[in-house]
Amino acid sequence: MEVTELSIRNESDVGHVRRAVQRMASEIGFGAEAVARLGIATTELATNLVRHQTVDGRIAFGPFGGEECLGIELVAQDSGPGIIDVERALTDRQSTISASMGCGLGAVRRLMDEFDIYSRAPDMSPVPSTFPRGEARNPEPVGTLVTARKYLKPAGYHRNFAISTASRPYPGEDVNGDSSLVVPEDDGLLVAVADGMGHGSEAAKASQEAIAHVRENGCEDFASVFAELHEGLRRTRGTALTLVRILLGDRKLVHAGIGNVEARVHPDGSSSLLVKPGVLGAGRPPATRVNEMAWPKGATLVVYTDGILGRWSLDETPQFASRPVAMVSHLLLRRFARPNDDATLVVAREARC
């Protein structure tokens, strides 16, 4: 079940997105009361986008939780001038600016299990010192971003990681050339992110075949997985692939990558995990190097394709790093996605809830 994104322009779109969210919730296994709550929350978010005539208003929704559909995530965003007073906007029946979301956000916060909102005017602050000399920061997108989650598991369900995947295809394409997989394991987590060469259906075929192989065969030995995929993907365009396994018992991270899918560990942003050049399925067999590093307690892992500009740092923006993972992933996608490529990132933070 994939993420769906719908533009919200008029009242008819409100009912359409509400019904779509409720249908997905029922398919995942939510009960009648939770489905009703999701419908109300979706209606509130969509109605705000219509009522305040937001620019490029849209809602994305889909399951989260890796291989297990543990809940539904709603993401509402626009390109308006932003909300001047977010706290006031969260007070029922308050709207802070006629051209951006306001009314109903307090109700959404009560109805959902997790809620966050980010809104601001254009960022005119100096470029951080960590950005390459001569490169300008991507302009901060104006407008408002709301993320909200409803959990399928009952209250008190414990998991080792909070996980969020944010992705979008090459602008104008219907299919995404990137694919990803997140598998919670008894002792940690497995993350796989693939980037098919180019974009469109042929790129999607290559990346999806790589992820399907990992899902169906597992990957106890990363080097063997890359060798098998290199031969198995020769009839495709080929793909880049990064695999990361976190072992909590050993406090260790194991990593290997071929091509342009990178990974970083926060809070030590300098811990960028090195990948080997090459393309799985094309050319000579790439040399795989399996790396290991210590996994700090409470750390955050970000794995991303080259559709995300590399000049970001959670260390430079601690207000991002402290937010829920859903907000972190969508903020990075919103701000640093390239306009001429597919873009995907997975954010995983060690957590107990």
Protein backbone atom coordinates (compact mmCIF):
# COMPACT_ATOMS: atom_id res chain seq x y z
CA MET A 1 0.00 0.00 0.00
CA GLU A 2 1.67 3.21 -1.18
CA VAL A 3 1.47 6.85 -0.19
CA THR A 4 -1.19 8.83 -2.03
CA GLU A 5 -1.05 12.61 -2.57
CA LEU A 6 -4.09 14.65 -3.60
CA SER A 7 -4.37 18.34 -4.48
CA ILE A 8 -6.97 20.18 -2.42
CA ARG A 9 -8.57 23.05 -4.36
CA ASN A 10 -12.31 23.00 -3.63
CA GLU A 11 -14.98 21.52 -1.38
CA SER A 12 -15.38 18.40 -3.51
CA ASP A 13 -11.72 17.56 -2.89
CA VAL A 14 -12.40 17.56 0.87
CA GLY A 15 -14.87 14.71 0.63
CA HIS A 16 -12.68 12.83 -1.84
CA VAL A 17 -9.60 12.82 0.39
CA ARG A 18 -11.64 12.01 3.51
CA ARG A 19 -13.19 8.95 1.87
CA ALA A 20 -9.81 7.80 0.54
CA VAL A 21 -8.18 8.04 3.98
CA GLN A 22 -11.04 6.21 5.67
CA ARG A 23 -10.98 3.48 3.04
CA MET A 24 -7.25 2.95 3.59
CA ALA A 25 -7.73 2.93 7.37
CA SER A 26 -10.37 0.22 7.10
CA GLU A 27 -8.14 -1.87 4.81
CA ILE A 28 -5.25 -1.65 7.28
CA GLY A 29 -7.46 -2.79 10.14
CA PHE A 30 -8.59 0.27 12.09
CA GLY A 31 -11.88 -0.03 13.96
CA ALA A 32 -14.95 2.09 13.25
CA GLU A 33 -14.20 4.72 15.91
CA ALA A 34 -10.62 5.27 14.73
CA VAL A 35 -11.76 5.42 11.09
CA ALA A 36 -14.26 8.11 12.08
CA ARG A 37 -11.58 10.10 13.91
CA LEU A 38 -9.27 9.90 10.90
CA GLY A 39 -12.11 11.14 8.72
CA ILE A 40 -12.70 14.16 10.94
CA ALA A 41 -8.99 15.01 11.12
CA THR A 42 -8.63 14.72 7.33
CA THR A 43 -11.70 16.91 6.82
CA GLU A 44 -10.30 19.60 9.13
CA LEU A 45 -6.94 19.66 7.34
CA ALA A 46 -8.47 19.70 3.85
CA THR A 47 -11.12 22.30 4.76
CA ASN A 48 -8.40 24.66 5.97
CA LEU A 49 -6.62 24.37 2.64
CA VAL A 50 -9.81 25.29 0.78
CA ARG A 51 -11.17 27.89 3.18
CA HIS A 52 -7.96 29.89 3.28
CA GLN A 53 -7.32 29.56 -0.45
CA THR A 54 -3.82 28.25 0.11
CA VAL A 55 -1.31 28.07 -2.72
CA ASP A 56 -0.57 24.52 -3.90
CA GLY A 57 -2.50 22.93 -1.04
CA ARG A 58 -2.24 19.15 -0.89
CA ILE A 59 -2.59 16.20 1.46
CA ALA A 60 -0.51 13.03 1.35
CA PHE A 61 -1.50 9.94 3.31
CA GLY A 62 -0.27 6.40 3.69
CA PRO A 63 0.71 3.62 6.08
CA PHE A 64 3.86 3.81 8.19
CA GLY A 65 5.71 1.31 10.30
CA GLY A 66 7.91 -0.57 7.89
CA GLU A 67 6.80 -4.05 6.91
CA GLU A 68 3.98 -3.89 9.47
CA CYS A 69 1.27 -1.30 8.82
CA LEU A 70 1.28 0.18 12.30
CA GLY A 71 -0.72 3.28 11.43
CA ILE A 72 -1.64 6.02 8.99
CA GLU A 73 0.27 9.24 8.44
CA LEU A 74 -1.33 12.45 7.17
CA VAL A 75 0.78 15.26 5.70
CA ALA A 76 -0.86 18.55 4.75
CA GLN A 77 1.13 21.36 3.19
CA ASP A 78 0.81 24.55 1.22
CA SER A 79 3.01 27.26 -0.28
CA GLY A 80 1.26 30.23 1.28
CA PRO A 81 2.85 32.96 3.42
CA GLY A 82 2.82 30.83 6.56
CA ILE A 83 1.19 31.14 9.96
CA ILE A 84 2.32 34.10 12.03
CA ASP A 85 1.31 32.66 15.43
CA VAL A 86 1.27 28.86 15.43
CA GLU A 87 0.17 28.55 19.07
CA ARG A 88 -2.84 30.76 18.41
CA ALA A 89 -3.64 28.70 15.33
CA LEU A 90 -3.90 25.64 17.55
CA THR A 91 -6.64 27.31 19.60
CA ASP A 92 -10.05 26.22 18.35
CA ARG A 93 -11.76 28.58 15.92
CA GLN A 94 -8.70 30.76 15.57
CA SER A 95 -7.14 31.65 12.22
CA THR A 96 -3.98 33.71 12.17
CA ILE A 97 -3.81 34.75 8.54
CA SER A 98 -6.37 34.63 5.77
CA ALA A 99 -4.07 32.87 3.30
CA SER A 100 -2.84 29.97 5.40
CA MET A 101 -4.07 27.12 7.58
CA GLY A 102 -5.41 27.90 11.02
CA CYS A 103 -8.92 26.84 11.95
CA GLY A 104 -9.37 23.25 13.07
CA LEU A 105 -5.73 22.41 13.84
CA GLY A 106 -6.47 22.06 17.54
CA ALA A 107 -9.06 19.41 16.76
CA VAL A 108 -6.59 17.51 14.57
CA ARG A 109 -4.05 17.53 17.39
CA ARG A 110 -6.61 16.00 19.78
CA LEU A 111 -7.86 13.38 17.32
CA MET A 112 -4.44 12.04 16.27
CA ASP A 113 -1.78 10.25 18.34
CA GLU A 114 1.10 12.33 17.00
CA PHE A 115 0.93 15.88 15.64
CA ASP A 116 3.43 18.53 14.58
CA ILE A 117 3.26 21.76 12.62
CA TYR A 118 6.00 23.82 10.98
CA SER A 119 5.37 27.21 9.40
CA ARG A 120 7.59 30.13 8.54
CA ALA A 121 8.40 32.97 6.20
CA PRO A 122 11.40 32.83 3.82
CA ASP A 123 14.71 32.16 5.59
CA MET A 124 17.20 34.98 5.07
CA SER A 125 19.74 33.76 7.62
CA PRO A 126 23.39 33.32 6.62
CA VAL A 127 24.48 30.10 4.96
CA PRO A 128 25.88 27.68 7.62
CA SER A 129 29.61 27.19 7.62
CA THR A 130 29.24 23.52 6.75
CA PHE A 131 27.82 24.30 3.30
CA PRO A 132 30.39 24.15 0.48
CA ARG A 133 31.98 27.48 -0.35
CA GLY A 134 30.20 29.23 -3.20
CA GLU A 135 26.97 27.20 -2.84
CA ALA A 136 23.84 29.00 -1.72
CA ARG A 137 21.34 27.42 0.63
CA ASN A 138 18.12 26.24 -0.99
CA PRO A 139 15.50 28.95 -0.46
CA GLU A 140 13.35 28.03 2.52
CA PRO A 141 9.93 27.02 1.15
CA VAL A 142 7.26 29.31 2.51
CA GLY A 143 3.97 28.00 3.80
CA THR A 144 2.87 25.43 6.34
CA LEU A 145 3.59 21.74 6.85
CA VAL A 146 1.48 19.58 9.19
CA THR A 147 2.25 15.94 10.00
CA ALA A 148 -0.10 13.73 12.01
CA ARG A 149 -0.15 10.01 12.79
CA LYS A 150 -2.74 7.58 14.08
CA TYR A 151 -1.41 4.29 15.47
CA LEU A 152 -3.07 0.96 14.76
CA LYS A 153 -1.39 -0.78 17.67
CA PRO A 154 -3.06 -0.24 21.07
CA ALA A 155 -1.70 2.24 23.60
CA GLY A 156 1.42 0.91 25.28
CA TYR A 157 2.78 -0.83 22.17
CA HIS A 158 6.59 -0.65 22.36
CA ARG A 159 8.91 -0.45 19.43
CA ASN A 160 12.62 0.20 19.18
CA PHE A 161 12.47 2.81 16.44
CA ALA A 162 10.33 5.66 15.22
CA ILE A 163 10.44 5.53 11.41
CA SER A 164 9.34 7.82 8.59
CA THR A 165 9.78 7.60 4.83
CA ALA A 166 9.27 10.65 2.61
CA SER A 167 9.38 10.29 -1.16
CA ARG A 168 8.23 11.87 -4.40
CA PRO A 169 8.79 11.03 -8.09
CA TYR A 170 10.55 13.14 -10.69
CA PRO A 171 8.22 16.10 -11.23
CA GLY A 172 5.76 15.21 -13.97
CA GLU A 173 6.24 11.45 -13.62
CA ASP A 174 3.55 9.12 -12.30
CA VAL A 175 5.98 6.52 -10.94
CA ASN A 176 8.95 6.89 -8.63
CA GLY A 177 12.34 5.53 -9.68
CA ASP A 178 13.32 5.20 -5.99
CA SER A 179 12.20 2.40 -3.68
CA SER A 180 12.75 1.67 0.01
CA LEU A 181 12.23 -1.00 2.64
CA VAL A 182 12.26 -0.81 6.44
CA VAL A 183 12.12 -4.05 8.44
CA PRO A 184 11.99 -4.00 12.26
CA GLU A 185 14.03 -6.92 13.61
CA ASP A 186 14.21 -8.54 17.03
CA ASP A 187 17.53 -6.88 17.78
CA GLY A 188 17.25 -3.74 15.68
CA LEU A 189 16.35 -2.56 12.22
CA LEU A 190 17.12 -3.15 8.55
CA VAL A 191 16.86 -0.26 6.06
CA ALA A 192 17.26 -0.61 2.28
CA VAL A 193 17.00 2.31 -0.17
CA ALA A 194 17.40 1.90 -3.95
CA ASP A 195 17.67 4.51 -6.70
CA GLY A 196 17.00 3.21 -10.23
CA MET A 197 19.09 4.81 -12.95
CA GLY A 198 17.28 7.73 -14.56
CA HIS A 199 13.60 8.14 -13.80
CA GLY A 200 10.21 6.83 -14.87
CA SER A 201 8.93 3.26 -15.20
CA GLU A 202 12.25 1.65 -16.17
CA ALA A 203 14.03 3.20 -13.19
CA ALA A 204 11.17 2.08 -10.95
CA LYS A 205 11.43 -1.49 -12.28
CA ALA A 206 15.12 -1.69 -11.37
CA SER A 207 14.78 -0.26 -7.88
CA GLN A 208 11.66 -2.30 -7.10
CA GLU A 209 13.35 -5.54 -8.16
CA ALA A 210 16.29 -4.78 -5.88
CA ILE A 211 14.02 -4.10 -2.91
CA ALA A 212 11.91 -7.18 -3.66
CA HIS A 213 15.06 -9.34 -3.60
CA VAL A 214 16.02 -7.97 -0.19
CA ARG A 215 12.49 -8.47 1.15
CA GLU A 216 12.15 -12.04 -0.11
CA ASN A 217 15.65 -13.33 0.57
CA GLY A 218 16.81 -11.32 3.55
CA CYS A 219 20.36 -10.06 3.75
CA GLU A 220 22.44 -11.60 6.48
CA ASP A 221 25.49 -11.17 4.23
CA PHE A 222 25.46 -7.74 2.55
CA ALA A 223 28.28 -8.61 0.12
CA SER A 224 26.39 -11.65 -1.17
CA VAL A 225 23.23 -9.57 -1.69
CA PHE A 226 25.09 -7.09 -3.87
CA ALA A 227 26.71 -9.88 -5.91
CA GLU A 228 23.34 -11.58 -6.51
CA LEU A 229 21.66 -8.33 -7.46
CA HIS A 230 24.39 -7.33 -9.87
CA GLU A 231 23.69 -10.44 -11.94
CA GLY A 232 19.93 -10.43 -11.43
CA LEU A 233 19.48 -6.80 -12.49
CA ARG A 234 21.41 -6.99 -15.78
CA ARG A 235 18.17 -6.96 -17.78
CA THR A 236 17.23 -3.64 -16.16
CA ARG A 237 18.75 -0.18 -16.25
CA GLY A 238 20.48 -0.95 -12.97
CA THR A 239 20.22 0.68 -9.60
CA ALA A 240 22.13 2.15 -6.70
CA LEU A 241 21.47 0.50 -3.34
CA THR A 242 22.38 1.11 0.29
CA LEU A 243 21.76 -1.38 3.10
CA VAL A 244 21.95 -0.49 6.80
CA ARG A 245 21.39 -2.83 9.74
CA ILE A 246 21.31 -1.53 13.31
CA LEU A 247 22.09 -4.11 16.02
CA LEU A 248 20.96 -2.75 19.37
CA GLY A 249 22.42 -5.58 21.45
CA ASP A 250 25.90 -4.90 20.11
CA ARG A 251 25.27 -1.13 19.80
CA LYS A 252 26.54 -1.45 16.25
CA LEU A 253 25.60 -0.28 12.77
CA VAL A 254 26.52 -2.36 9.70
CA HIS A 255 26.43 -0.63 6.31
CA ALA A 256 27.23 -1.19 2.65
CA GLY A 257 26.34 0.80 -0.43
CA ILE A 258 26.88 0.81 -4.17
CA GLY A 259 26.12 4.05 -6.00
CA ASN A 260 24.50 7.32 -5.05
CA VAL A 261 22.38 6.46 -2.00
CA GLU A 262 23.98 7.95 1.10
CA ALA A 263 23.45 7.63 4.84
CA ARG A 264 24.22 9.76 7.88
CA VAL A 265 24.00 9.29 11.62
CA HIS A 266 22.93 12.14 13.91
CA PRO A 267 23.97 13.60 16.35
CA ASP A 268 27.42 13.05 14.87
CA GLY A 269 26.63 14.38 11.38
CA SER A 270 30.22 13.79 10.35
CA SER A 271 29.44 10.07 10.40
CA SER A 272 28.50 9.93 6.75
CA LEU A 273 28.65 6.29 5.73
CA LEU A 274 30.86 5.83 2.69
CA VAL A 275 29.54 4.09 -0.42
CA LYS A 276 31.40 2.52 -3.34
CA PRO A 277 30.88 3.88 -6.87
CA GLY A 278 29.08 1.71 -9.38
CA VAL A 279 25.70 0.49 -10.62
CA LEU A 280 24.15 -2.84 -9.68
CA GLY A 281 23.22 -4.59 -12.92
CA ALA A 282 25.55 -2.66 -15.22
CA GLY A 283 29.27 -2.86 -16.00
CA ARG A 284 31.82 -4.82 -14.05
CA PRO A 285 30.89 -6.32 -10.67
CA PRO A 286 31.32 -3.54 -8.10
CA ALA A 287 33.63 -4.06 -5.14
CA THR A 288 31.49 -4.17 -2.00
CA ARG A 289 32.87 -2.89 1.27
CA VAL A 290 30.93 -3.65 4.45
CA ASN A 291 31.49 -1.02 7.14
CA GLU A 292 30.77 -1.10 10.86
CA MET A 293 30.50 1.71 13.38
CA ALA A 294 29.22 2.23 16.90
CA TRP A 295 25.54 3.10 17.15
CA PRO A 296 25.05 5.88 19.74
CA LYS A 297 22.07 5.55 22.08
CA GLY A 298 19.10 7.56 20.87
CA ALA A 299 20.73 8.28 17.51
CA THR A 300 18.93 9.15 14.26
CA LEU A 301 19.73 7.49 10.93
CA VAL A 302 18.94 9.23 7.62
CA VAL A 303 19.31 7.27 4.35
CA TYR A 304 18.64 9.29 1.18
CA THR A 305 18.96 9.13 -2.60
CA ASP A 306 20.81 11.80 -4.57
CA GLY A 307 17.47 13.42 -5.33
CA ILE A 308 18.06 15.05 -1.94
CA LEU A 309 20.75 17.72 -2.00
CA GLY A 310 23.57 16.75 0.33
CA ARG A 311 24.11 20.19 1.86
CA TRP A 312 21.86 19.69 4.89
CA SER A 313 22.86 19.00 8.47
CA LEU A 314 20.67 18.15 11.43
CA ASP A 315 23.51 19.43 13.61
CA GLU A 316 23.11 22.88 12.03
CA THR A 317 19.33 22.78 12.53
CA PRO A 318 18.67 21.27 15.98
CA GLN A 319 15.07 22.50 15.82
CA PHE A 320 14.60 19.95 13.03
CA ALA A 321 16.35 17.11 14.83
CA SER A 322 14.20 17.39 17.96
CA ARG A 323 10.92 17.07 16.05
CA PRO A 324 9.05 13.81 15.38
CA VAL A 325 10.61 11.76 12.60
CA ALA A 326 7.62 12.37 10.31
CA MET A 327 8.28 16.10 10.43
CA VAL A 328 12.06 15.64 9.98
CA SER A 329 11.65 13.52 6.84
CA HIS A 330 9.08 15.79 5.20
CA LEU A 331 10.97 18.97 6.10
CA LEU A 332 14.13 17.60 4.47
CA LEU A 333 12.17 16.50 1.41
CA ARG A 334 10.36 19.84 1.18
CA ARG A 335 13.52 21.89 1.51
CA PHE A 336 16.25 19.86 -0.19
CA ALA A 337 14.61 17.77 -2.93
CA ARG A 338 16.12 18.45 -6.36
CA PRO A 339 13.70 19.74 -9.01
CA ASN A 340 15.05 17.31 -11.63
CA ASP A 341 15.13 13.89 -9.95
CA ASP A 342 13.18 11.37 -7.90
CA ALA A 343 13.75 11.96 -4.19
CA THR A 344 13.48 9.57 -1.24
CA LEU A 345 14.71 9.48 2.32
CA VAL A 346 14.19 7.25 5.35
CA VAL A 347 14.55 8.61 8.88
CA ALA A 348 14.85 6.16 11.78
CA ARG A 349 15.33 7.24 15.39
CA GLU A 350 15.91 4.91 18.29
CA ALA A 351 13.00 5.40 20.63
CA ARG A 352 10.63 3.87 23.15
CA CYS A 353 6.98 4.80 23.16
